[in-house]
Every structure is written in structure tokens, then in C-alpha cells.
């Protein structure tokens, strides 16, 4: 059989389920998932195999109205992911329907979709009745000429296989882009940093998760097969440092344990994780921090 390989961009509003769907397609956790919006910052590539097709799913940051530089860079990364792909899948939430944000994305698709198929995936189908789903599907297909419409639950897995088969059939012929056993196109240092950021996001409230970033400062392979990982958590205020540390260091201890356990499972070996919190008031305007996140600093200025 002839091999094929290509890129599928998952786009949509924040919290539409793009990261959950990426992880479901890949069969492993490659993208961080939390209940908070705008968790995904960079384009994260998860690699899946379906028959003779290798599908690289690009989990993009949610498309929303940017308020600050980091937001602008995230939105540019999302549209860039769509423009570079072979197929685009627009994810919308069944119970939220056609929001202003979805209307805005459809506008943007008119330009970006030229020459590539775009599918509609209506996610979280368990939250509404079938007549609502059918009406939403009809409404969306009036607004845009989708090449396919899929009713899915990324969390439960319903309908996901049909979508995976469909995109697999659209992959261009050619050799696979990654080794068969590779599930993500992200440096391990970045996966480790994202894992810790997820644990922080789950524990912290309101705006703080958006005002911190995590970087892997040092990665040391030990002779016994284990790995030592040193990470820096950048925050913008002294007060934030106290919140991240928690009473008697309880919060950061809990984050460290949760992150270490997940990384141990992911890497299949012992992990020694050391976290430090550093106050850096201007990190949101620091080009180096953007590079570490896989974002283009120039996009934050547009």
C-alpha cells in the first residue's frame, strides 16, 4: 500500500476541545487540558497513524479577540497553523452553537481555506438533543461550504474514529514525516515545561495562570537511567510568587509531585524534578520567553 502523510489543523474558540481531541486522536496525552480557557499557547503537534496514513494533528491556541501581546501571538500561531495544513477541522461546542467568536472564525476561513478541505466537528454532543444538533449542523453548513460534518465527543471518543478515517483519506501521498513510535513534535524540555504549567493552571485561580510561564532550565541524564529536570516558573509580581509557593510551600510541593508523576509515566523512567519561582516583571514583553513557548514575538506587536 502507498504511504501518505500530512497536517491537520484543529481550530476553534478557546475550550472547544481541541487539546482533548488531539490527545484522543494520538492515543496519548501530548497537549495540556484544563477547564480554563486559552491554556494552549503554542502550536502543538500530535502524531497519529491510521492505516498507511500518518496524520500530524496541529492543536492550535484558541481563536479569540486578543487583548494583549501574548494573546496576539497566540492567535497568529493559530491562523498560521491553519494556513500551513493540508486539512482544517473547525471545532465548535454543541451547547454553545454559533457564537460571535464562531462567526468571526468563519469569516477568517473564507481566506485561509482556499485550496484545502475544511471539516466541521460539532463537539460535546452529549450536552444537547439530536434536533438541536441537526439544526446547528444545517445552520453552519449554510454559512460555510464544509467538506464534511462530524458529530463527536472528544472526551468520550464518540464519532472520533469516523473523523480520523476521513482525514486519513485526505493525506497527500508520500513518506511518513516522523518515526512510527513518535507521538509528538515537541522537544521533551517543552513537554516537561507544559506539564508543570498544566498543574499550576489547575491549582491557581483567575488571571494568575495567564501571567506565568514555565521553562525547563536544565535536563540532565543520570547514569542510573533517571533524569533530573530543573524548571523556572516566571511570575510578574512578588505577590504572585507567594501564591505559587503557597502556605509553607504546599502549593509548589503539590504541583511538583503531580508533574513529576505524570512525567515519570510519560518518559517511562524516574524523574527528579526541581522547581524554582522567579519574579520577572517584564516577561510578557520578553522575546526570549516567546521563543521558549514556540511563539513569534513579532506577532505580539501587530
C-alpha atoms as a PDB file:
ATOM      1  CA  UNK A   1       0.000   0.000   0.000  1.00  0.00           C
ATOM      2  CA  UNK A   2       1.112   3.569  -0.646  1.00  0.00           C
ATOM      3  CA  UNK A   3       2.026   5.619   2.381  1.00  0.00           C
ATOM      4  CA  UNK A   4       0.670   9.096   2.952  1.00  0.00           C
ATOM      5  CA  UNK A   5       1.316  11.863   5.463  1.00  0.00           C
ATOM      6  CA  UNK A   6       0.128  15.384   6.161  1.00  0.00           C
ATOM      7  CA  UNK A   7      -1.017  18.018   8.612  1.00  0.00           C
ATOM      8  CA  UNK A   8      -4.477  18.592  10.082  1.00  0.00           C
ATOM      9  CA  UNK A   9      -5.059  21.884  11.920  1.00  0.00           C
ATOM     10  CA  UNK A  10      -7.649  21.891  14.685  1.00  0.00           C
ATOM     11  CA  UNK A  11      -9.068  25.386  15.117  1.00  0.00           C
ATOM     12  CA  UNK A  12     -11.854  26.867  17.197  1.00  0.00           C
ATOM     13  CA  UNK A  13     -12.647  29.069  20.164  1.00  0.00           C
ATOM     14  CA  UNK A  14     -10.851  28.546  23.492  1.00  0.00           C
ATOM     15  CA  UNK A  15     -12.148  25.462  25.331  1.00  0.00           C
ATOM     16  CA  UNK A  16     -13.845  23.974  22.245  1.00  0.00           C
ATOM     17  CA  UNK A  17     -11.993  20.709  22.965  1.00  0.00           C
ATOM     18  CA  UNK A  18      -9.036  20.905  20.545  1.00  0.00           C
ATOM     19  CA  UNK A  19      -6.477  19.606  23.048  1.00  0.00           C
ATOM     20  CA  UNK A  20      -8.784  16.797  24.210  1.00  0.00           C
ATOM     21  CA  UNK A  21      -9.361  15.792  20.570  1.00  0.00           C
ATOM     22  CA  UNK A  22      -5.613  15.892  19.786  1.00  0.00           C
ATOM     23  CA  UNK A  23      -4.885  13.595  22.734  1.00  0.00           C
ATOM     24  CA  UNK A  24      -7.750  11.276  21.742  1.00  0.00           C
ATOM     25  CA  UNK A  25      -6.520  11.043  18.119  1.00  0.00           C
ATOM     26  CA  UNK A  26      -2.930  10.346  19.200  1.00  0.00           C
ATOM     27  CA  UNK A  27      -3.951   7.928  21.948  1.00  0.00           C
ATOM     28  CA  UNK A  28      -1.715   9.669  24.489  1.00  0.00           C
ATOM     29  CA  UNK A  29      -1.513  12.983  26.279  1.00  0.00           C
ATOM     30  CA  UNK A  30       0.545  15.397  24.183  1.00  0.00           C
ATOM     31  CA  UNK A  31      -1.441  18.572  24.787  1.00  0.00           C
ATOM     32  CA  UNK A  32      -2.352  20.089  28.137  1.00  0.00           C
ATOM     33  CA  UNK A  33      -6.021  20.108  29.031  1.00  0.00           C
ATOM     34  CA  UNK A  34      -7.645  22.206  31.748  1.00  0.00           C
ATOM     35  CA  UNK A  35     -11.069  23.724  32.356  1.00  0.00           C
ATOM     36  CA  UNK A  36      -9.562  27.195  31.883  1.00  0.00           C
ATOM     37  CA  UNK A  37      -9.647  28.923  28.503  1.00  0.00           C
ATOM     38  CA  UNK A  38      -6.544  29.806  26.474  1.00  0.00           C
ATOM     39  CA  UNK A  39      -4.468  27.015  28.021  1.00  0.00           C
ATOM     40  CA  UNK A  40      -2.770  26.037  24.761  1.00  0.00           C
ATOM     41  CA  UNK A  41      -0.270  28.755  23.841  1.00  0.00           C
ATOM     42  CA  UNK A  42       1.823  27.332  21.024  1.00  0.00           C
ATOM     43  CA  UNK A  43       1.065  25.026  18.129  1.00  0.00           C
ATOM     44  CA  UNK A  44       1.414  21.504  19.472  1.00  0.00           C
ATOM     45  CA  UNK A  45       1.780  18.646  17.030  1.00  0.00           C
ATOM     46  CA  UNK A  46       0.454  15.211  17.896  1.00  0.00           C
ATOM     47  CA  UNK A  47       1.317  12.359  15.537  1.00  0.00           C
ATOM     48  CA  UNK A  48      -1.263   9.636  14.815  1.00  0.00           C
ATOM     49  CA  UNK A  49      -1.290   6.662  12.442  1.00  0.00           C
ATOM     50  CA  UNK A  50      -4.385   5.391  10.670  1.00  0.00           C
ATOM     51  CA  UNK A  51      -3.728   2.508   8.294  1.00  0.00           C
ATOM     52  CA  UNK A  52      -0.995   3.681   5.902  1.00  0.00           C
ATOM     53  CA  UNK A  53      -1.546   7.355   6.712  1.00  0.00           C
ATOM     54  CA  UNK A  54       0.443   9.355   9.216  1.00  0.00           C
ATOM     55  CA  UNK A  55      -1.616  12.315  10.440  1.00  0.00           C
ATOM     56  CA  UNK A  56       0.034  15.202  12.223  1.00  0.00           C
ATOM     57  CA  UNK A  57      -2.645  16.956  14.269  1.00  0.00           C
ATOM     58  CA  UNK A  58      -1.787  20.572  14.986  1.00  0.00           C
ATOM     59  CA  UNK A  59      -3.506  21.662  18.197  1.00  0.00           C
ATOM     60  CA  UNK A  60      -3.643  25.444  17.870  1.00  0.00           C
ATOM     61  CA  UNK A  61      -4.333  28.083  20.514  1.00  0.00           C
ATOM     62  CA  UNK A  62      -7.995  29.098  20.695  1.00  0.00           C
ATOM     63  CA  UNK A  63      -9.124  31.893  18.396  1.00  0.00           C
ATOM     64  CA  UNK A  64     -10.426  34.845  20.397  1.00  0.00           C
ATOM     65  CA  UNK A  65     -10.263  38.628  20.435  1.00  0.00           C
ATOM     66  CA  UNK A  66      -6.729  39.452  21.607  1.00  0.00           C
ATOM     67  CA  UNK A  67      -6.278  41.947  24.442  1.00  0.00           C
ATOM     68  CA  UNK A  68      -2.501  41.925  24.877  1.00  0.00           C
ATOM     69  CA  UNK A  69       0.724  40.973  23.150  1.00  0.00           C
ATOM     70  CA  UNK A  70       0.751  37.321  24.235  1.00  0.00           C
ATOM     71  CA  UNK A  71      -2.856  36.956  23.003  1.00  0.00           C
ATOM     72  CA  UNK A  72      -1.929  38.401  19.586  1.00  0.00           C
ATOM     73  CA  UNK A  73       0.992  35.977  19.221  1.00  0.00           C
ATOM     74  CA  UNK A  74      -1.274  33.040  20.189  1.00  0.00           C
ATOM     75  CA  UNK A  75      -3.969  33.985  17.650  1.00  0.00           C
ATOM     76  CA  UNK A  76      -1.319  34.439  14.917  1.00  0.00           C
ATOM     77  CA  UNK A  77       0.021  30.949  15.751  1.00  0.00           C
ATOM     78  CA  UNK A  78      -3.499  29.503  15.397  1.00  0.00           C
ATOM     79  CA  UNK A  79      -4.170  31.046  11.968  1.00  0.00           C
ATOM     80  CA  UNK A  80      -0.612  30.151  10.913  1.00  0.00           C
ATOM     81  CA  UNK A  81      -1.288  26.510  11.830  1.00  0.00           C
ATOM     82  CA  UNK A  82      -4.409  26.509   9.654  1.00  0.00           C
ATOM     83  CA  UNK A  83      -2.618  28.168   6.720  1.00  0.00           C
ATOM     84  CA  UNK A  84       0.206  25.582   6.811  1.00  0.00           C
ATOM     85  CA  UNK A  85      -2.018  22.490   6.931  1.00  0.00           C
ATOM     86  CA  UNK A  86      -3.450  20.075   4.364  1.00  0.00           C
ATOM     87  CA  UNK A  87      -6.827  19.856   6.101  1.00  0.00           C
ATOM     88  CA  UNK A  88      -8.561  22.146   8.615  1.00  0.00           C
ATOM     89  CA  UNK A  89     -11.060  20.952  11.225  1.00  0.00           C
ATOM     90  CA  UNK A  90     -13.212  23.629  12.866  1.00  0.00           C
ATOM     91  CA  UNK A  91     -14.358  22.517  16.306  1.00  0.00           C
ATOM     92  CA  UNK A  92     -17.451  24.095  17.834  1.00  0.00           C
ATOM     93  CA  UNK A  93     -19.327  23.249  21.035  1.00  0.00           C
ATOM     94  CA  UNK A  94     -22.789  21.757  20.524  1.00  0.00           C
ATOM     95  CA  UNK A  95     -24.363  23.530  23.506  1.00  0.00           C
ATOM     96  CA  UNK A  96     -22.910  26.954  22.657  1.00  0.00           C
ATOM     97  CA  UNK A  97     -23.846  26.898  18.977  1.00  0.00           C
ATOM     98  CA  UNK A  98     -22.950  29.751  16.643  1.00  0.00           C
ATOM     99  CA  UNK A  99     -21.318  32.322  18.910  1.00  0.00           C
ATOM    100  CA  UNK A 100     -19.869  35.664  17.796  1.00  0.00           C
ATOM    101  CA  UNK A 101     -16.451  34.034  18.038  1.00  0.00           C
ATOM    102  CA  UNK A 102     -17.510  31.215  15.681  1.00  0.00           C
ATOM    103  CA  UNK A 103     -18.906  33.762  13.198  1.00  0.00           C
ATOM    104  CA  UNK A 104     -15.554  35.577  13.269  1.00  0.00           C
ATOM    105  CA  UNK A 105     -13.656  32.319  12.631  1.00  0.00           C
ATOM    106  CA  UNK A 106     -15.921  31.510   9.643  1.00  0.00           C
ATOM    107  CA  UNK A 107     -15.044  34.945   8.228  1.00  0.00           C
ATOM    108  CA  UNK A 108     -11.341  34.186   8.579  1.00  0.00           C
ATOM    109  CA  UNK A 109     -11.811  30.749   6.994  1.00  0.00           C
ATOM    110  CA  UNK A 110     -13.024  32.306   3.745  1.00  0.00           C
ATOM    111  CA  UNK A 111      -9.426  33.385   3.110  1.00  0.00           C
ATOM    112  CA  UNK A 112      -7.435  30.663   4.853  1.00  0.00           C
ATOM    113  CA  UNK A 113      -9.385  27.687   3.487  1.00  0.00           C
ATOM    114  CA  UNK A 114      -8.733  28.290  -0.192  1.00  0.00           C
ATOM    115  CA  UNK A 115      -7.439  25.092  -1.767  1.00  0.00           C
ATOM    116  CA  UNK A 116      -7.814  22.895   1.331  1.00  0.00           C
ATOM    117  CA  UNK A 117     -10.771  20.912   2.682  1.00  0.00           C
ATOM    118  CA  UNK A 118     -12.369  22.162   5.899  1.00  0.00           C
ATOM    119  CA  UNK A 119     -14.420  19.857   8.114  1.00  0.00           C
ATOM    120  CA  UNK A 120     -16.858  20.858  10.818  1.00  0.00           C
ATOM    121  CA  UNK A 121     -16.672  18.879  14.053  1.00  0.00           C
ATOM    122  CA  UNK A 122     -19.505  19.554  16.486  1.00  0.00           C
ATOM    123  CA  UNK A 123     -18.103  18.553  19.867  1.00  0.00           C
ATOM    124  CA  UNK A 124     -19.735  17.769  23.249  1.00  0.00           C
ATOM    125  CA  UNK A 125     -22.770  16.250  21.510  1.00  0.00           C
ATOM    126  CA  UNK A 126     -23.888  14.644  24.789  1.00  0.00           C
ATOM    127  CA  UNK A 127     -24.869  18.126  26.043  1.00  0.00           C
ATOM    128  CA  UNK A 128     -27.776  18.666  23.590  1.00  0.00           C
ATOM    129  CA  UNK A 129     -30.688  16.796  21.975  1.00  0.00           C
ATOM    130  CA  UNK A 130     -30.417  15.460  18.407  1.00  0.00           C
ATOM    131  CA  UNK A 131     -32.844  18.014  16.892  1.00  0.00           C
ATOM    132  CA  UNK A 132     -30.642  20.856  18.217  1.00  0.00           C
ATOM    133  CA  UNK A 133     -27.590  19.153  16.699  1.00  0.00           C
ATOM    134  CA  UNK A 134     -29.214  18.785  13.302  1.00  0.00           C
ATOM    135  CA  UNK A 135     -30.363  22.417  13.280  1.00  0.00           C
ATOM    136  CA  UNK A 136     -26.855  23.583  14.266  1.00  0.00           C
ATOM    137  CA  UNK A 137     -25.274  21.450  11.542  1.00  0.00           C
ATOM    138  CA  UNK A 138     -27.666  22.850   8.907  1.00  0.00           C
ATOM    139  CA  UNK A 139     -27.038  26.437  10.084  1.00  0.00           C
ATOM    140  CA  UNK A 140     -23.241  26.039   9.996  1.00  0.00           C
ATOM    141  CA  UNK A 141     -23.303  24.432   6.544  1.00  0.00           C
ATOM    142  CA  UNK A 142     -25.307  27.357   5.218  1.00  0.00           C
ATOM    143  CA  UNK A 143     -22.620  29.725   6.470  1.00  0.00           C
ATOM    144  CA  UNK A 144     -19.677  27.793   5.009  1.00  0.00           C
ATOM    145  CA  UNK A 145     -19.167  25.020   2.464  1.00  0.00           C
ATOM    146  CA  UNK A 146     -17.735  22.315   4.755  1.00  0.00           C
ATOM    147  CA  UNK A 147     -16.260  19.242   3.071  1.00  0.00           C
ATOM    148  CA  UNK A 148     -17.606  17.047   5.877  1.00  0.00           C
ATOM    149  CA  UNK A 149     -19.586  17.369   9.130  1.00  0.00           C
ATOM    150  CA  UNK A 150     -18.912  15.173  12.165  1.00  0.00           C
ATOM    151  CA  UNK A 151     -20.777  14.862  15.458  1.00  0.00           C
ATOM    152  CA  UNK A 152     -18.261  13.968  18.151  1.00  0.00           C
ATOM    153  CA  UNK A 153     -17.468  13.788  21.826  1.00  0.00           C
ATOM    154  CA  UNK A 154     -13.704  14.226  22.101  1.00  0.00           C
ATOM    155  CA  UNK A 155     -13.848  13.317  25.780  1.00  0.00           C
ATOM    156  CA  UNK A 156     -15.843  10.092  25.360  1.00  0.00           C
ATOM    157  CA  UNK A 157     -14.457   9.209  21.921  1.00  0.00           C
ATOM    158  CA  UNK A 158     -17.829   9.116  20.115  1.00  0.00           C
ATOM    159  CA  UNK A 159     -17.536   9.833  16.386  1.00  0.00           C
ATOM    160  CA  UNK A 160     -13.779  10.402  16.596  1.00  0.00           C
ATOM    161  CA  UNK A 161     -12.850   7.309  14.569  1.00  0.00           C
ATOM    162  CA  UNK A 162     -15.023   8.439  11.631  1.00  0.00           C
ATOM    163  CA  UNK A 163     -13.303  11.846  11.627  1.00  0.00           C
ATOM    164  CA  UNK A 164      -9.870  10.199  11.851  1.00  0.00           C
ATOM    165  CA  UNK A 165     -10.662   7.898   8.896  1.00  0.00           C
ATOM    166  CA  UNK A 166     -11.894  10.851   6.863  1.00  0.00           C
ATOM    167  CA  UNK A 167      -8.771  12.987   7.399  1.00  0.00           C
ATOM    168  CA  UNK A 168      -6.535   9.933   6.835  1.00  0.00           C
ATOM    169  CA  UNK A 169      -8.070   9.573   3.363  1.00  0.00           C
ATOM    170  CA  UNK A 170      -7.086  13.155   2.529  1.00  0.00           C
ATOM    171  CA  UNK A 171      -3.406  12.920   3.444  1.00  0.00           C
ATOM    172  CA  UNK A 172      -1.062  13.521   0.480  1.00  0.00           C
ATOM    173  CA  UNK A 173       0.877  10.510  -0.793  1.00  0.00           C
ATOM    174  CA  UNK A 174       4.458  10.400   0.394  1.00  0.00           C
ATOM    175  CA  UNK A 175       6.772   9.042   3.091  1.00  0.00           C
ATOM    176  CA  UNK A 176       5.908   9.445   6.748  1.00  0.00           C
ATOM    177  CA  UNK A 177       7.244  12.601   8.366  1.00  0.00           C
ATOM    178  CA  UNK A 178       8.110  11.101  11.756  1.00  0.00           C
ATOM    179  CA  UNK A 179       9.344   7.739  13.094  1.00  0.00           C
ATOM    180  CA  UNK A 180       6.483   5.300  13.714  1.00  0.00           C
ATOM    181  CA  UNK A 181       6.810   5.461  17.509  1.00  0.00           C
ATOM    182  CA  UNK A 182       6.913   9.272  17.790  1.00  0.00           C
ATOM    183  CA  UNK A 183       3.706  10.767  19.163  1.00  0.00           C
ATOM    184  CA  UNK A 184       4.602  14.450  19.404  1.00  0.00           C
ATOM    185  CA  UNK A 185       6.716  17.030  17.623  1.00  0.00           C
ATOM    186  CA  UNK A 186       7.792  18.963  20.678  1.00  0.00           C
ATOM    187  CA  UNK A 187      11.158  18.889  22.436  1.00  0.00           C
ATOM    188  CA  UNK A 188      10.977  16.894  25.687  1.00  0.00           C
ATOM    189  CA  UNK A 189      12.089  20.016  27.570  1.00  0.00           C
ATOM    190  CA  UNK A 190       8.979  21.795  26.313  1.00  0.00           C
ATOM    191  CA  UNK A 191       6.657  18.866  27.092  1.00  0.00           C
ATOM    192  CA  UNK A 192       8.069  18.852  30.639  1.00  0.00           C
ATOM    193  CA  UNK A 193       7.510  22.624  30.994  1.00  0.00           C
ATOM    194  CA  UNK A 194       3.954  22.344  29.637  1.00  0.00           C
ATOM    195  CA  UNK A 195       3.191  19.513  32.077  1.00  0.00           C
ATOM    196  CA  UNK A 196       4.208  21.661  35.047  1.00  0.00           C
ATOM    197  CA  UNK A 197       2.276  24.638  33.643  1.00  0.00           C
ATOM    198  CA  UNK A 198      -0.841  22.467  33.424  1.00  0.00           C
ATOM    199  CA  UNK A 199      -0.533  21.501  37.108  1.00  0.00           C
ATOM    200  CA  UNK A 200      -0.105  25.172  38.060  1.00  0.00           C
ATOM    201  CA  UNK A 201      -3.111  26.178  35.938  1.00  0.00           C
ATOM    202  CA  UNK A 202      -5.274  23.560  37.647  1.00  0.00           C
ATOM    203  CA  UNK A 203      -4.308  24.777  41.124  1.00  0.00           C
ATOM    204  CA  UNK A 204      -4.287  28.542  40.667  1.00  0.00           C
ATOM    205  CA  UNK A 205      -7.222  30.869  40.180  1.00  0.00           C
ATOM    206  CA  UNK A 206      -8.421  33.652  37.897  1.00  0.00           C
ATOM    207  CA  UNK A 207      -5.773  35.597  35.982  1.00  0.00           C
ATOM    208  CA  UNK A 208      -2.598  34.240  37.566  1.00  0.00           C
ATOM    209  CA  UNK A 209      -2.155  31.236  35.238  1.00  0.00           C
ATOM    210  CA  UNK A 210      -2.065  33.627  32.275  1.00  0.00           C
ATOM    211  CA  UNK A 211       0.656  35.700  33.903  1.00  0.00           C
ATOM    212  CA  UNK A 212       3.133  32.924  34.482  1.00  0.00           C
ATOM    213  CA  UNK A 213       5.236  30.725  32.271  1.00  0.00           C
ATOM    214  CA  UNK A 214       7.404  27.668  32.886  1.00  0.00           C
ATOM    215  CA  UNK A 215      10.746  26.917  31.279  1.00  0.00           C
ATOM    216  CA  UNK A 216      12.978  23.876  31.552  1.00  0.00           C
ATOM    217  CA  UNK A 217      16.320  25.320  32.504  1.00  0.00           C
ATOM    218  CA  UNK A 218      18.322  22.114  32.778  1.00  0.00           C
ATOM    219  CA  UNK A 219      17.872  18.496  31.658  1.00  0.00           C
ATOM    220  CA  UNK A 220      20.416  16.034  32.958  1.00  0.00           C
ATOM    221  CA  UNK A 221      20.518  12.359  32.015  1.00  0.00           C
ATOM    222  CA  UNK A 222      21.680  10.358  35.052  1.00  0.00           C
ATOM    223  CA  UNK A 223      23.900   7.218  34.822  1.00  0.00           C
ATOM    224  CA  UNK A 224      21.145   5.156  36.527  1.00  0.00           C
ATOM    225  CA  UNK A 225      18.739   5.938  33.647  1.00  0.00           C
ATOM    226  CA  UNK A 226      16.770   8.568  35.549  1.00  0.00           C
ATOM    227  CA  UNK A 227      16.599  12.223  34.575  1.00  0.00           C
ATOM    228  CA  UNK A 228      16.994  15.417  36.606  1.00  0.00           C
ATOM    229  CA  UNK A 229      14.834  18.316  35.385  1.00  0.00           C
ATOM    230  CA  UNK A 230      15.251  21.858  36.707  1.00  0.00           C
ATOM    231  CA  UNK A 231      12.478  24.295  35.863  1.00  0.00           C
ATOM    232  CA  UNK A 232      11.910  28.010  36.367  1.00  0.00           C
ATOM    233  CA  UNK A 233       8.434  29.426  36.923  1.00  0.00           C
ATOM    234  CA  UNK A 234       8.358  33.085  35.858  1.00  0.00           C
ATOM    235  CA  UNK A 235       5.783  35.356  37.501  1.00  0.00           C
ATOM    236  CA  UNK A 236       5.363  39.112  37.132  1.00  0.00           C
ATOM    237  CA  UNK A 237       4.894  40.160  40.808  1.00  0.00           C
ATOM    238  CA  UNK A 238       6.258  39.295  44.246  1.00  0.00           C
ATOM    239  CA  UNK A 239       2.709  38.649  45.404  1.00  0.00           C
ATOM    240  CA  UNK A 240       2.308  36.045  42.675  1.00  0.00           C
ATOM    241  CA  UNK A 241       5.447  34.279  43.874  1.00  0.00           C
ATOM    242  CA  UNK A 242       3.830  33.834  47.292  1.00  0.00           C
ATOM    243  CA  UNK A 243       0.674  32.412  45.729  1.00  0.00           C
ATOM    244  CA  UNK A 244       2.640  29.929  43.587  1.00  0.00           C
ATOM    245  CA  UNK A 245       4.683  28.805  46.608  1.00  0.00           C
ATOM    246  CA  UNK A 246       1.587  28.580  48.830  1.00  0.00           C
ATOM    247  CA  UNK A 247       1.415  28.367  52.616  1.00  0.00           C
ATOM    248  CA  UNK A 248       4.662  26.707  53.840  1.00  0.00           C
ATOM    249  CA  UNK A 249       5.408  25.783  50.200  1.00  0.00           C
ATOM    250  CA  UNK A 250       2.360  23.494  49.987  1.00  0.00           C
ATOM    251  CA  UNK A 251       1.197  24.632  46.524  1.00  0.00           C
ATOM    252  CA  UNK A 252       4.518  24.244  44.756  1.00  0.00           C
ATOM    253  CA  UNK A 253       5.094  20.897  46.505  1.00  0.00           C
ATOM    254  CA  UNK A 254       1.748  19.625  45.238  1.00  0.00           C
ATOM    255  CA  UNK A 255       2.489  20.899  41.708  1.00  0.00           C
ATOM    256  CA  UNK A 256       5.931  19.277  41.767  1.00  0.00           C
ATOM    257  CA  UNK A 257       4.576  15.884  42.871  1.00  0.00           C
ATOM    258  CA  UNK A 258       1.762  15.892  40.268  1.00  0.00           C
ATOM    259  CA  UNK A 259       4.085  16.995  37.455  1.00  0.00           C
ATOM    260  CA  UNK A 260       6.805  14.506  38.417  1.00  0.00           C
ATOM    261  CA  UNK A 261       4.321  11.600  38.499  1.00  0.00           C
ATOM    262  CA  UNK A 262       2.972  12.451  35.049  1.00  0.00           C
ATOM    263  CA  UNK A 263       6.459  12.936  33.557  1.00  0.00           C
ATOM    264  CA  UNK A 264       7.647   9.646  35.084  1.00  0.00           C
ATOM    265  CA  UNK A 265       4.763   7.865  33.359  1.00  0.00           C
ATOM    266  CA  UNK A 266       5.272   9.750  30.076  1.00  0.00           C
ATOM    267  CA  UNK A 267       9.035   9.146  29.916  1.00  0.00           C
ATOM    268  CA  UNK A 268       8.876   5.633  31.375  1.00  0.00           C
ATOM    269  CA  UNK A 269      11.668   6.315  33.890  1.00  0.00           C
ATOM    270  CA  UNK A 270      12.361   8.020  37.211  1.00  0.00           C
ATOM    271  CA  UNK A 271      12.238  11.813  37.183  1.00  0.00           C
ATOM    272  CA  UNK A 272      13.831  14.144  39.742  1.00  0.00           C
ATOM    273  CA  UNK A 273      12.036  17.473  39.347  1.00  0.00           C
ATOM    274  CA  UNK A 274      13.209  20.742  40.905  1.00  0.00           C
ATOM    275  CA  UNK A 275      11.083  23.901  40.635  1.00  0.00           C
ATOM    276  CA  UNK A 276      12.125  27.489  41.339  1.00  0.00           C
ATOM    277  CA  UNK A 277       9.923  30.594  41.175  1.00  0.00           C
ATOM    278  CA  UNK A 278      11.421  33.774  39.778  1.00  0.00           C
ATOM    279  CA  UNK A 279       9.851  37.240  39.651  1.00  0.00           C
ATOM    280  CA  UNK A 280      10.377  38.800  36.240  1.00  0.00           C
ATOM    281  CA  UNK A 281       8.032  41.801  35.854  1.00  0.00           C
ATOM    282  CA  UNK A 282       8.554  42.197  32.111  1.00  0.00           C
ATOM    283  CA  UNK A 283       8.455  38.582  30.921  1.00  0.00           C
ATOM    284  CA  UNK A 284       5.291  39.204  28.860  1.00  0.00           C
ATOM    285  CA  UNK A 285       7.343  41.610  26.739  1.00  0.00           C
ATOM    286  CA  UNK A 286      10.483  39.454  26.545  1.00  0.00           C
ATOM    287  CA  UNK A 287      11.213  37.908  23.122  1.00  0.00           C
ATOM    288  CA  UNK A 288      13.178  35.011  24.664  1.00  0.00           C
ATOM    289  CA  UNK A 289      10.151  33.857  26.645  1.00  0.00           C
ATOM    290  CA  UNK A 290       8.066  33.815  23.434  1.00  0.00           C
ATOM    291  CA  UNK A 291      10.701  31.682  21.673  1.00  0.00           C
ATOM    292  CA  UNK A 292      10.618  29.202  24.567  1.00  0.00           C
ATOM    293  CA  UNK A 293       6.832  28.951  24.125  1.00  0.00           C
ATOM    294  CA  UNK A 294       7.187  28.364  20.387  1.00  0.00           C
ATOM    295  CA  UNK A 295       5.574  31.718  19.555  1.00  0.00           C
ATOM    296  CA  UNK A 296       6.774  34.561  17.345  1.00  0.00           C
ATOM    297  CA  UNK A 297       7.491  37.693  19.400  1.00  0.00           C
ATOM    298  CA  UNK A 298       6.895  39.917  16.341  1.00  0.00           C
ATOM    299  CA  UNK A 299       3.261  38.741  16.247  1.00  0.00           C
ATOM    300  CA  UNK A 300       2.719  40.201  19.715  1.00  0.00           C
ATOM    301  CA  UNK A 301       3.403  43.677  18.325  1.00  0.00           C
ATOM    302  CA  UNK A 302       0.895  43.589  15.470  1.00  0.00           C
END
